[in-house]
C-alpha atoms as a PDB file:
ATOM      1  CA  UNK A   1      -9.878   9.365 -52.345  1.00  0.00           C
ATOM      2  CA  UNK A   2      -9.456  11.452 -49.184  1.00  0.00           C
ATOM      3  CA  UNK A   3      -5.733  10.588 -49.133  1.00  0.00           C
ATOM      4  CA  UNK A   4      -5.322  12.388 -52.461  1.00  0.00           C
ATOM      5  CA  UNK A   5      -6.705  15.722 -51.236  1.00  0.00           C
ATOM      6  CA  UNK A   6      -3.503  16.992 -49.540  1.00  0.00           C
ATOM      7  CA  UNK A   7      -1.107  16.074 -52.382  1.00  0.00           C
ATOM      8  CA  UNK A   8      -3.455  17.658 -54.937  1.00  0.00           C
ATOM      9  CA  UNK A   9      -3.699  20.798 -52.800  1.00  0.00           C
ATOM     10  CA  UNK A  10       0.095  21.074 -52.565  1.00  0.00           C
ATOM     11  CA  UNK A  11       0.464  20.583 -56.312  1.00  0.00           C
ATOM     12  CA  UNK A  12      -2.104  23.330 -56.889  1.00  0.00           C
ATOM     13  CA  UNK A  13      -0.250  25.761 -54.635  1.00  0.00           C
ATOM     14  CA  UNK A  14       3.071  25.013 -56.340  1.00  0.00           C
ATOM     15  CA  UNK A  15       1.382  25.488 -59.695  1.00  0.00           C
ATOM     16  CA  UNK A  16       0.169  28.944 -58.686  1.00  0.00           C
ATOM     17  CA  UNK A  17       3.730  30.017 -57.812  1.00  0.00           C
ATOM     18  CA  UNK A  18       5.093  28.628 -61.077  1.00  0.00           C
ATOM     19  CA  UNK A  19       2.408  30.293 -63.200  1.00  0.00           C
ATOM     20  CA  UNK A  20       2.880  33.612 -61.446  1.00  0.00           C
ATOM     21  CA  UNK A  21       6.653  33.401 -61.828  1.00  0.00           C
ATOM     22  CA  UNK A  22       6.970  34.300 -58.169  1.00  0.00           C
ATOM     23  CA  UNK A  23       8.970  32.401 -55.591  1.00  0.00           C
ATOM     24  CA  UNK A  24       8.413  32.730 -51.868  1.00  0.00           C
ATOM     25  CA  UNK A  25      11.540  34.909 -51.630  1.00  0.00           C
ATOM     26  CA  UNK A  26      10.480  37.104 -54.540  1.00  0.00           C
ATOM     27  CA  UNK A  27       6.983  37.672 -53.133  1.00  0.00           C
ATOM     28  CA  UNK A  28       7.578  38.152 -49.406  1.00  0.00           C
ATOM     29  CA  UNK A  29       4.653  38.654 -47.080  1.00  0.00           C
ATOM     30  CA  UNK A  30       4.946  40.687 -43.881  1.00  0.00           C
ATOM     31  CA  UNK A  31       8.731  40.457 -43.781  1.00  0.00           C
ATOM     32  CA  UNK A  32      10.185  42.035 -40.635  1.00  0.00           C
ATOM     33  CA  UNK A  33      13.280  44.085 -41.464  1.00  0.00           C
ATOM     34  CA  UNK A  34      15.575  45.817 -38.991  1.00  0.00           C
ATOM     35  CA  UNK A  35      17.798  48.714 -40.049  1.00  0.00           C
ATOM     36  CA  UNK A  36      20.181  50.629 -37.797  1.00  0.00           C
ATOM     37  CA  UNK A  37      21.099  54.310 -38.028  1.00  0.00           C
ATOM     38  CA  UNK A  38      21.625  57.450 -35.944  1.00  0.00           C
ATOM     39  CA  UNK A  39      18.909  59.997 -35.185  1.00  0.00           C
ATOM     40  CA  UNK A  40      20.645  62.779 -37.092  1.00  0.00           C
ATOM     41  CA  UNK A  41      19.834  64.763 -40.226  1.00  0.00           C
ATOM     42  CA  UNK A  42      22.699  63.187 -42.201  1.00  0.00           C
ATOM     43  CA  UNK A  43      21.731  59.607 -41.382  1.00  0.00           C
ATOM     44  CA  UNK A  44      17.976  59.996 -41.699  1.00  0.00           C
ATOM     45  CA  UNK A  45      17.179  58.026 -44.850  1.00  0.00           C
ATOM     46  CA  UNK A  46      16.187  54.724 -43.149  1.00  0.00           C
ATOM     47  CA  UNK A  47      13.285  56.539 -41.461  1.00  0.00           C
ATOM     48  CA  UNK A  48      11.836  57.031 -44.972  1.00  0.00           C
ATOM     49  CA  UNK A  49      12.395  53.501 -46.336  1.00  0.00           C
ATOM     50  CA  UNK A  50       8.807  52.400 -45.698  1.00  0.00           C
ATOM     51  CA  UNK A  51       7.625  55.134 -48.073  1.00  0.00           C
ATOM     52  CA  UNK A  52       9.677  53.679 -50.919  1.00  0.00           C
ATOM     53  CA  UNK A  53       9.511  49.913 -50.437  1.00  0.00           C
ATOM     54  CA  UNK A  54       6.981  47.174 -51.048  1.00  0.00           C
ATOM     55  CA  UNK A  55       4.301  47.066 -48.351  1.00  0.00           C
ATOM     56  CA  UNK A  56       5.145  43.412 -47.782  1.00  0.00           C
ATOM     57  CA  UNK A  57       8.125  44.682 -45.788  1.00  0.00           C
ATOM     58  CA  UNK A  58       7.739  46.028 -42.271  1.00  0.00           C
ATOM     59  CA  UNK A  59      10.761  48.280 -41.665  1.00  0.00           C
ATOM     60  CA  UNK A  60      11.833  48.783 -38.060  1.00  0.00           C
ATOM     61  CA  UNK A  61      14.469  51.504 -37.680  1.00  0.00           C
ATOM     62  CA  UNK A  62      16.646  51.106 -34.607  1.00  0.00           C
ATOM     63  CA  UNK A  63      18.584  54.199 -33.469  1.00  0.00           C
ATOM     64  CA  UNK A  64      22.173  53.950 -32.222  1.00  0.00           C
ATOM     65  CA  UNK A  65      24.619  56.503 -30.828  1.00  0.00           C
ATOM     66  CA  UNK A  66      27.826  55.324 -32.511  1.00  0.00           C
ATOM     67  CA  UNK A  67      28.905  53.402 -35.625  1.00  0.00           C
ATOM     68  CA  UNK A  68      30.707  50.608 -33.796  1.00  0.00           C
ATOM     69  CA  UNK A  69      27.572  49.470 -31.953  1.00  0.00           C
ATOM     70  CA  UNK A  70      25.645  49.316 -35.228  1.00  0.00           C
ATOM     71  CA  UNK A  71      28.311  47.157 -36.833  1.00  0.00           C
ATOM     72  CA  UNK A  72      28.363  44.846 -33.801  1.00  0.00           C
ATOM     73  CA  UNK A  73      24.571  44.454 -33.909  1.00  0.00           C
ATOM     74  CA  UNK A  74      24.717  43.703 -37.637  1.00  0.00           C
ATOM     75  CA  UNK A  75      27.311  40.967 -37.240  1.00  0.00           C
ATOM     76  CA  UNK A  76      25.343  39.516 -34.331  1.00  0.00           C
ATOM     77  CA  UNK A  77      22.376  39.094 -36.675  1.00  0.00           C
ATOM     78  CA  UNK A  78      20.213  41.726 -34.968  1.00  0.00           C
ATOM     79  CA  UNK A  79      20.133  44.008 -38.038  1.00  0.00           C
ATOM     80  CA  UNK A  80      19.700  43.416 -41.757  1.00  0.00           C
ATOM     81  CA  UNK A  81      21.494  46.607 -42.774  1.00  0.00           C
ATOM     82  CA  UNK A  82      22.882  49.610 -40.940  1.00  0.00           C
ATOM     83  CA  UNK A  83      24.752  52.836 -41.192  1.00  0.00           C
ATOM     84  CA  UNK A  84      28.378  53.220 -40.213  1.00  0.00           C
ATOM     85  CA  UNK A  85      31.344  55.382 -41.081  1.00  0.00           C
ATOM     86  CA  UNK A  86      33.723  54.430 -43.857  1.00  0.00           C
ATOM     87  CA  UNK A  87      36.455  54.433 -41.202  1.00  0.00           C
ATOM     88  CA  UNK A  88      34.563  51.846 -39.133  1.00  0.00           C
ATOM     89  CA  UNK A  89      33.947  49.689 -42.204  1.00  0.00           C
ATOM     90  CA  UNK A  90      37.641  49.758 -43.137  1.00  0.00           C
ATOM     91  CA  UNK A  91      38.658  48.904 -39.566  1.00  0.00           C
ATOM     92  CA  UNK A  92      36.165  46.009 -39.491  1.00  0.00           C
ATOM     93  CA  UNK A  93      37.492  44.631 -42.780  1.00  0.00           C
ATOM     94  CA  UNK A  94      41.032  45.015 -41.485  1.00  0.00           C
ATOM     95  CA  UNK A  95      40.046  42.805 -38.542  1.00  0.00           C
ATOM     96  CA  UNK A  96      38.584  40.191 -40.880  1.00  0.00           C
ATOM     97  CA  UNK A  97      34.960  40.981 -40.053  1.00  0.00           C
ATOM     98  CA  UNK A  98      32.526  40.129 -42.905  1.00  0.00           C
ATOM     99  CA  UNK A  99      31.024  43.574 -43.527  1.00  0.00           C
ATOM    100  CA  UNK A 100      30.140  44.878 -46.989  1.00  0.00           C
ATOM    101  CA  UNK A 101      29.464  48.464 -48.070  1.00  0.00           C
ATOM    102  CA  UNK A 102      26.367  48.436 -50.296  1.00  0.00           C
ATOM    103  CA  UNK A 103      25.581  52.148 -50.621  1.00  0.00           C
ATOM    104  CA  UNK A 104      26.636  55.592 -49.539  1.00  0.00           C
ATOM    105  CA  UNK A 105      24.929  57.415 -46.665  1.00  0.00           C
ATOM    106  CA  UNK A 106      26.400  60.890 -46.218  1.00  0.00           C
ATOM    107  CA  UNK A 107      29.424  63.032 -47.023  1.00  0.00           C
ATOM    108  CA  UNK A 108      30.885  66.063 -45.254  1.00  0.00           C
ATOM    109  CA  UNK A 109      29.116  66.669 -41.865  1.00  0.00           C
ATOM    110  CA  UNK A 110      32.252  67.110 -39.725  1.00  0.00           C
ATOM    111  CA  UNK A 111      33.589  70.108 -37.797  1.00  0.00           C
ATOM    112  CA  UNK A 112      36.216  70.726 -35.132  1.00  0.00           C
ATOM    113  CA  UNK A 113      34.591  72.920 -32.481  1.00  0.00           C
ATOM    114  CA  UNK A 114      36.271  74.841 -29.639  1.00  0.00           C
ATOM    115  CA  UNK A 115      34.925  76.819 -26.670  1.00  0.00           C
ATOM    116  CA  UNK A 116      33.835  80.272 -27.724  1.00  0.00           C
ATOM    117  CA  UNK A 117      35.797  81.894 -24.898  1.00  0.00           C
ATOM    118  CA  UNK A 118      38.978  79.856 -25.389  1.00  0.00           C
ATOM    119  CA  UNK A 119      42.349  81.079 -26.624  1.00  0.00           C
ATOM    120  CA  UNK A 120      42.367  78.492 -29.400  1.00  0.00           C
ATOM    121  CA  UNK A 121      42.653  80.502 -32.597  1.00  0.00           C
ATOM    122  CA  UNK A 122      44.680  78.129 -34.766  1.00  0.00           C
ATOM    123  CA  UNK A 123      45.026  74.367 -35.004  1.00  0.00           C
ATOM    124  CA  UNK A 124      48.448  74.550 -33.323  1.00  0.00           C
ATOM    125  CA  UNK A 125      46.737  76.063 -30.265  1.00  0.00           C
ATOM    126  CA  UNK A 126      45.195  72.654 -29.536  1.00  0.00           C
ATOM    127  CA  UNK A 127      48.415  71.647 -27.793  1.00  0.00           C
ATOM    128  CA  UNK A 128      47.740  70.807 -24.145  1.00  0.00           C
ATOM    129  CA  UNK A 129      43.954  70.828 -24.650  1.00  0.00           C
ATOM    130  CA  UNK A 130      41.279  68.241 -23.874  1.00  0.00           C
ATOM    131  CA  UNK A 131      39.459  67.086 -27.004  1.00  0.00           C
ATOM    132  CA  UNK A 132      36.333  64.906 -27.140  1.00  0.00           C
ATOM    133  CA  UNK A 133      36.116  62.212 -29.800  1.00  0.00           C
ATOM    134  CA  UNK A 134      34.448  58.905 -30.648  1.00  0.00           C
ATOM    135  CA  UNK A 135      36.987  56.142 -31.394  1.00  0.00           C
ATOM    136  CA  UNK A 136      36.766  54.550 -34.823  1.00  0.00           C
ATOM    137  CA  UNK A 137      34.610  57.279 -36.320  1.00  0.00           C
ATOM    138  CA  UNK A 138      35.397  59.359 -39.369  1.00  0.00           C
ATOM    139  CA  UNK A 139      35.705  62.341 -37.035  1.00  0.00           C
ATOM    140  CA  UNK A 140      38.382  60.470 -35.075  1.00  0.00           C
ATOM    141  CA  UNK A 141      40.442  59.987 -38.225  1.00  0.00           C
ATOM    142  CA  UNK A 142      39.952  63.621 -39.215  1.00  0.00           C
ATOM    143  CA  UNK A 143      41.015  64.777 -35.750  1.00  0.00           C
ATOM    144  CA  UNK A 144      44.176  62.687 -35.878  1.00  0.00           C
ATOM    145  CA  UNK A 145      44.921  64.143 -39.301  1.00  0.00           C
ATOM    146  CA  UNK A 146      44.610  67.709 -37.918  1.00  0.00           C
ATOM    147  CA  UNK A 147      46.973  66.868 -35.063  1.00  0.00           C
ATOM    148  CA  UNK A 148      49.475  65.184 -37.353  1.00  0.00           C
ATOM    149  CA  UNK A 149      49.691  68.044 -39.831  1.00  0.00           C
ATOM    150  CA  UNK A 150      50.397  70.409 -36.933  1.00  0.00           C
ATOM    151  CA  UNK A 151      53.077  68.210 -35.389  1.00  0.00           C
ATOM    152  CA  UNK A 152      50.984  67.297 -32.343  1.00  0.00           C
ATOM    153  CA  UNK A 153      51.283  63.839 -30.782  1.00  0.00           C
ATOM    154  CA  UNK A 154      47.778  62.588 -29.862  1.00  0.00           C
ATOM    155  CA  UNK A 155      49.208  60.668 -26.902  1.00  0.00           C
ATOM    156  CA  UNK A 156      51.500  63.357 -25.513  1.00  0.00           C
ATOM    157  CA  UNK A 157      50.502  66.813 -26.737  1.00  0.00           C
ATOM    158  CA  UNK A 158      46.719  66.638 -26.194  1.00  0.00           C
ATOM    159  CA  UNK A 159      44.305  64.702 -23.991  1.00  0.00           C
ATOM    160  CA  UNK A 160      41.746  62.792 -26.046  1.00  0.00           C
ATOM    161  CA  UNK A 161      38.561  62.032 -24.114  1.00  0.00           C
ATOM    162  CA  UNK A 162      36.092  59.427 -25.322  1.00  0.00           C
ATOM    163  CA  UNK A 163      32.640  61.033 -25.219  1.00  0.00           C
ATOM    164  CA  UNK A 164      29.537  60.100 -27.214  1.00  0.00           C
ATOM    165  CA  UNK A 165      28.476  62.601 -29.863  1.00  0.00           C
ATOM    166  CA  UNK A 166      25.260  63.330 -27.994  1.00  0.00           C
ATOM    167  CA  UNK A 167      27.198  64.420 -24.880  1.00  0.00           C
ATOM    168  CA  UNK A 168      29.973  66.460 -26.507  1.00  0.00           C
ATOM    169  CA  UNK A 169      28.079  69.750 -26.466  1.00  0.00           C
ATOM    170  CA  UNK A 170      27.408  69.547 -22.753  1.00  0.00           C
ATOM    171  CA  UNK A 171      31.028  68.621 -22.058  1.00  0.00           C
ATOM    172  CA  UNK A 172      32.223  71.641 -24.053  1.00  0.00           C
ATOM    173  CA  UNK A 173      29.754  74.078 -22.498  1.00  0.00           C
ATOM    174  CA  UNK A 174      30.687  72.933 -18.987  1.00  0.00           C
ATOM    175  CA  UNK A 175      34.414  73.132 -19.671  1.00  0.00           C
ATOM    176  CA  UNK A 176      35.014  69.405 -19.293  1.00  0.00           C
ATOM    177  CA  UNK A 177      36.737  69.575 -22.687  1.00  0.00           C
ATOM    178  CA  UNK A 178      38.230  72.425 -24.702  1.00  0.00           C
ATOM    179  CA  UNK A 179      37.172  71.086 -28.096  1.00  0.00           C
ATOM    180  CA  UNK A 180      35.331  68.294 -29.875  1.00  0.00           C
ATOM    181  CA  UNK A 181      35.382  66.797 -33.351  1.00  0.00           C
ATOM    182  CA  UNK A 182      31.906  65.702 -34.336  1.00  0.00           C
ATOM    183  CA  UNK A 183      29.280  65.539 -37.015  1.00  0.00           C
ATOM    184  CA  UNK A 184      26.256  67.753 -37.421  1.00  0.00           C
ATOM    185  CA  UNK A 185      24.080  69.046 -35.846  1.00  0.00           C
ATOM    186  CA  UNK A 186      26.293  69.343 -32.760  1.00  0.00           C
ATOM    187  CA  UNK A 187      28.701  71.932 -34.217  1.00  0.00           C
ATOM    188  CA  UNK A 188      25.745  74.073 -35.329  1.00  0.00           C
ATOM    189  CA  UNK A 189      24.085  73.676 -31.903  1.00  0.00           C
ATOM    190  CA  UNK A 190      27.280  74.840 -30.186  1.00  0.00           C
ATOM    191  CA  UNK A 191      27.281  77.964 -32.356  1.00  0.00           C
ATOM    192  CA  UNK A 192      23.546  78.636 -31.911  1.00  0.00           C
ATOM    193  CA  UNK A 193      23.754  78.326 -28.119  1.00  0.00           C
ATOM    194  CA  UNK A 194      26.836  80.523 -27.935  1.00  0.00           C
ATOM    195  CA  UNK A 195      29.305  78.219 -26.198  1.00  0.00           C
ATOM    196  CA  UNK A 196      31.225  77.057 -29.266  1.00  0.00           C
ATOM    197  CA  UNK A 197      32.742  78.177 -32.553  1.00  0.00           C
ATOM    198  CA  UNK A 198      34.146  76.355 -35.569  1.00  0.00           C
ATOM    199  CA  UNK A 199      37.931  76.076 -35.564  1.00  0.00           C
ATOM    200  CA  UNK A 200      38.043  74.197 -38.852  1.00  0.00           C
ATOM    201  CA  UNK A 201      36.145  71.881 -41.178  1.00  0.00           C
ATOM    202  CA  UNK A 202      38.737  69.092 -41.112  1.00  0.00           C
ATOM    203  CA  UNK A 203      38.114  67.433 -44.447  1.00  0.00           C
ATOM    204  CA  UNK A 204      40.791  65.558 -46.307  1.00  0.00           C
ATOM    205  CA  UNK A 205      42.485  66.637 -49.496  1.00  0.00           C
ATOM    206  CA  UNK A 206      41.247  65.639 -52.941  1.00  0.00           C
ATOM    207  CA  UNK A 207      42.747  62.139 -52.584  1.00  0.00           C
ATOM    208  CA  UNK A 208      40.095  61.314 -49.967  1.00  0.00           C
ATOM    209  CA  UNK A 209      37.616  64.155 -50.161  1.00  0.00           C
ATOM    210  CA  UNK A 210      34.556  64.339 -47.941  1.00  0.00           C
ATOM    211  CA  UNK A 211      33.444  60.685 -47.759  1.00  0.00           C
ATOM    212  CA  UNK A 212      31.951  59.933 -44.368  1.00  0.00           C
ATOM    213  CA  UNK A 213      29.073  57.480 -43.822  1.00  0.00           C
ATOM    214  CA  UNK A 214      27.913  54.379 -45.686  1.00  0.00           C
ATOM    215  CA  UNK A 215      25.329  51.626 -45.407  1.00  0.00           C
ATOM    216  CA  UNK A 216      26.672  48.152 -44.705  1.00  0.00           C
ATOM    217  CA  UNK A 217      25.372  44.624 -44.456  1.00  0.00           C
ATOM    218  CA  UNK A 218      27.005  41.255 -43.839  1.00  0.00           C
ATOM    219  CA  UNK A 219      28.221  38.723 -46.362  1.00  0.00           C
ATOM    220  CA  UNK A 220      25.731  36.211 -44.962  1.00  0.00           C
ATOM    221  CA  UNK A 221      22.826  38.593 -45.611  1.00  0.00           C
ATOM    222  CA  UNK A 222      23.936  39.061 -49.216  1.00  0.00           C
ATOM    223  CA  UNK A 223      24.346  35.331 -49.712  1.00  0.00           C
ATOM    224  CA  UNK A 224      21.087  34.295 -48.051  1.00  0.00           C
ATOM    225  CA  UNK A 225      18.743  37.110 -49.065  1.00  0.00           C
ATOM    226  CA  UNK A 226      20.155  39.325 -51.839  1.00  0.00           C
ATOM    227  CA  UNK A 227      16.656  40.487 -52.842  1.00  0.00           C
ATOM    228  CA  UNK A 228      16.071  42.024 -49.429  1.00  0.00           C
ATOM    229  CA  UNK A 229      19.350  43.926 -49.608  1.00  0.00           C
ATOM    230  CA  UNK A 230      18.542  45.067 -53.141  1.00  0.00           C
ATOM    231  CA  UNK A 231      15.108  46.324 -52.119  1.00  0.00           C
ATOM    232  CA  UNK A 232      16.621  48.160 -49.153  1.00  0.00           C
ATOM    233  CA  UNK A 233      19.278  49.844 -51.290  1.00  0.00           C
ATOM    234  CA  UNK A 234      16.673  50.939 -53.835  1.00  0.00           C
ATOM    235  CA  UNK A 235      14.565  52.357 -50.991  1.00  0.00           C
ATOM    236  CA  UNK A 236      17.660  54.093 -49.660  1.00  0.00           C
ATOM    237  CA  UNK A 237      18.412  55.655 -53.048  1.00  0.00           C
ATOM    238  CA  UNK A 238      14.828  56.828 -53.517  1.00  0.00           C
ATOM    239  CA  UNK A 239      14.670  58.223 -49.986  1.00  0.00           C
ATOM    240  CA  UNK A 240      17.933  60.108 -50.501  1.00  0.00           C
ATOM    241  CA  UNK A 241      16.797  61.687 -53.753  1.00  0.00           C
ATOM    242  CA  UNK A 242      13.426  62.565 -52.244  1.00  0.00           C
ATOM    243  CA  UNK A 243      14.997  64.317 -49.255  1.00  0.00           C
ATOM    244  CA  UNK A 244      17.366  66.270 -51.485  1.00  0.00           C
ATOM    245  CA  UNK A 245      14.402  67.556 -53.467  1.00  0.00           C
ATOM    246  CA  UNK A 246      12.187  68.146 -50.423  1.00  0.00           C
ATOM    247  CA  UNK A 247      14.326  69.881 -47.821  1.00  0.00           C
ATOM    248  CA  UNK A 248      11.333  70.919 -45.735  1.00  0.00           C
ATOM    249  CA  UNK A 249      10.355  67.261 -45.217  1.00  0.00           C
ATOM    250  CA  UNK A 250      13.985  66.439 -44.450  1.00  0.00           C
ATOM    251  CA  UNK A 251      14.387  69.208 -41.869  1.00  0.00           C
ATOM    252  CA  UNK A 252      10.938  68.624 -40.343  1.00  0.00           C
ATOM    253  CA  UNK A 253      11.688  64.945 -39.741  1.00  0.00           C
ATOM    254  CA  UNK A 254      15.163  65.697 -38.391  1.00  0.00           C
ATOM    255  CA  UNK A 255      13.606  68.216 -35.991  1.00  0.00           C
ATOM    256  CA  UNK A 256      11.650  65.328 -34.430  1.00  0.00           C
ATOM    257  CA  UNK A 257      14.986  64.086 -33.092  1.00  0.00           C
ATOM    258  CA  UNK A 258      15.150  67.146 -30.833  1.00  0.00           C
ATOM    259  CA  UNK A 259      17.095  69.774 -32.805  1.00  0.00           C
ATOM    260  CA  UNK A 260      15.615  73.178 -33.616  1.00  0.00           C
ATOM    261  CA  UNK A 261      14.748  73.730 -37.272  1.00  0.00           C
ATOM    262  CA  UNK A 262      16.791  76.922 -37.444  1.00  0.00           C
ATOM    263  CA  UNK A 263      19.876  74.992 -36.306  1.00  0.00           C
ATOM    264  CA  UNK A 264      19.165  72.269 -38.843  1.00  0.00           C
ATOM    265  CA  UNK A 265      18.874  74.830 -41.629  1.00  0.00           C
ATOM    266  CA  UNK A 266      22.413  75.926 -40.783  1.00  0.00           C
ATOM    267  CA  UNK A 267      23.814  72.418 -40.402  1.00  0.00           C
ATOM    268  CA  UNK A 268      22.256  71.347 -43.712  1.00  0.00           C
ATOM    269  CA  UNK A 269      24.922  73.425 -45.470  1.00  0.00           C
ATOM    270  CA  UNK A 270      27.524  71.049 -44.053  1.00  0.00           C
ATOM    271  CA  UNK A 271      25.640  67.856 -44.990  1.00  0.00           C
ATOM    272  CA  UNK A 272      25.602  65.911 -48.243  1.00  0.00           C
ATOM    273  CA  UNK A 273      23.112  63.037 -48.272  1.00  0.00           C
ATOM    274  CA  UNK A 274      24.317  60.257 -50.563  1.00  0.00           C
ATOM    275  CA  UNK A 275      23.673  56.755 -51.824  1.00  0.00           C
ATOM    276  CA  UNK A 276      25.671  56.205 -55.021  1.00  0.00           C
ATOM    277  CA  UNK A 277      29.120  54.612 -55.151  1.00  0.00           C
ATOM    278  CA  UNK A 278      31.453  55.138 -58.095  1.00  0.00           C
ATOM    279  CA  UNK A 279      35.076  54.441 -58.925  1.00  0.00           C
ATOM    280  CA  UNK A 280      36.189  57.721 -57.375  1.00  0.00           C
ATOM    281  CA  UNK A 281      34.427  56.844 -54.092  1.00  0.00           C
ATOM    282  CA  UNK A 282      36.245  53.497 -53.960  1.00  0.00           C
ATOM    283  CA  UNK A 283      39.602  55.106 -54.774  1.00  0.00           C
ATOM    284  CA  UNK A 284      39.024  57.663 -52.015  1.00  0.00           C
ATOM    285  CA  UNK A 285      38.310  54.790 -49.632  1.00  0.00           C
ATOM    286  CA  UNK A 286      41.579  53.107 -50.633  1.00  0.00           C
ATOM    287  CA  UNK A 287      43.445  56.339 -49.928  1.00  0.00           C
ATOM    288  CA  UNK A 288      41.640  56.649 -46.602  1.00  0.00           C
ATOM    289  CA  UNK A 289      42.726  53.128 -45.658  1.00  0.00           C
ATOM    290  CA  UNK A 290      46.330  54.069 -46.440  1.00  0.00           C
ATOM    291  CA  UNK A 291      45.987  57.157 -44.249  1.00  0.00           C
ATOM    292  CA  UNK A 292      44.401  55.132 -41.418  1.00  0.00           C
ATOM    293  CA  UNK A 293      47.372  52.785 -41.392  1.00  0.00           C
ATOM    294  CA  UNK A 294      49.773  55.734 -41.334  1.00  0.00           C
ATOM    295  CA  UNK A 295      47.834  57.209 -38.404  1.00  0.00           C
ATOM    296  CA  UNK A 296      47.936  53.899 -36.522  1.00  0.00           C
ATOM    297  CA  UNK A 297      44.156  53.317 -36.596  1.00  0.00           C
ATOM    298  CA  UNK A 298      44.609  49.966 -38.375  1.00  0.00           C
ATOM    299  CA  UNK A 299      47.603  47.636 -38.511  1.00  0.00           C
ATOM    300  CA  UNK A 300      46.947  46.259 -41.991  1.00  0.00           C
ATOM    301  CA  UNK A 301      45.139  47.521 -45.074  1.00  0.00           C
ATOM    302  CA  UNK A 302      42.247  45.245 -46.112  1.00  0.00           C
ATOM    303  CA  UNK A 303      41.126  44.402 -49.630  1.00  0.00           C
ATOM    304  CA  UNK A 304      39.065  47.527 -50.307  1.00  0.00           C
ATOM    305  CA  UNK A 305      37.617  46.199 -53.580  1.00  0.00           C
ATOM    306  CA  UNK A 306      36.229  43.225 -51.630  1.00  0.00           C
ATOM    307  CA  UNK A 307      34.764  45.599 -49.042  1.00  0.00           C
ATOM    308  CA  UNK A 308      32.325  46.941 -51.663  1.00  0.00           C
ATOM    309  CA  UNK A 309      29.475  45.266 -53.514  1.00  0.00           C
ATOM    310  CA  UNK A 310      28.318  47.797 -56.113  1.00  0.00           C
ATOM    311  CA  UNK A 311      25.751  45.436 -57.635  1.00  0.00           C
ATOM    312  CA  UNK A 312      22.982  46.927 -55.548  1.00  0.00           C
ATOM    313  CA  UNK A 313      23.638  50.589 -56.354  1.00  0.00           C
ATOM    314  CA  UNK A 314      23.878  49.718 -60.060  1.00  0.00           C
ATOM    315  CA  UNK A 315      20.379  48.220 -59.942  1.00  0.00           C
ATOM    316  CA  UNK A 316      19.216  51.230 -57.937  1.00  0.00           C
ATOM    317  CA  UNK A 317      20.552  53.503 -60.696  1.00  0.00           C
ATOM    318  CA  UNK A 318      18.515  51.544 -63.229  1.00  0.00           C
ATOM    319  CA  UNK A 319      15.416  51.758 -61.035  1.00  0.00           C
ATOM    320  CA  UNK A 320      15.705  55.526 -60.647  1.00  0.00           C
ATOM    321  CA  UNK A 321      16.030  55.965 -64.416  1.00  0.00           C
ATOM    322  CA  UNK A 322      12.667  54.287 -65.096  1.00  0.00           C
END
């Protein structure tokens, strides 16, 4: 009789799961989840995921300083989902890397900043100047677009210096560079501290618009645990909508990253938090890929439709309508 105890116990446990209609995957317990993002106001949503997700998940948000490192960590299996720029996602897909865009993150955010005491008054005045940039970022693509439309060769007419976003302000204030192309809050900080001014907001035309950041995961994550990705995207959508409606909470949290609230209030005007993806967003991404190839950032245009999986944002739309 004792030999029957274990089999009966296992059958009972299985029966409980069947009766409850809940598989082990569907009813996770203490699941450790790692999400990558930047510590900036426009990439802040992951810091609010825990507020909008089942308590069975334990969300650990890991901060990075550039989009390429986040993508590398994701593909290495160290992250379940992360932020990146649309430019980085396109470049990764062009290289055959298995990344998938599952939601938006932010739009706008960029500015081309010059020293306040410089003689740079127009975009053409950038000739012969040192400009800080982060390779593979949306700001990199926007900078190249500014140079191209003014007939400036990025390899001959200017000196591009690779500097992390977090160090660009110091480089500009010290005169190490004459300009930088970056996302918020660094342009607003440069203005507030008096060493910089906005030369231009270098957004694309209507064929590309102001798309900037997105949340990505890997094809393996989608295949092996689609419920996790769905729950994360829903949390992302809810966090985004919450922050849009509660700007004080948004700015207060962003201030914890070390930027003054008054600066953040200014930079917020140049930030559009996002999560949804529609046909126009995808078409803009296709146009961006074409532009990236023309600018020499990528050698071949990837399958942009395959780069997106809109299943998750569609379910998030349904969830938000309840």
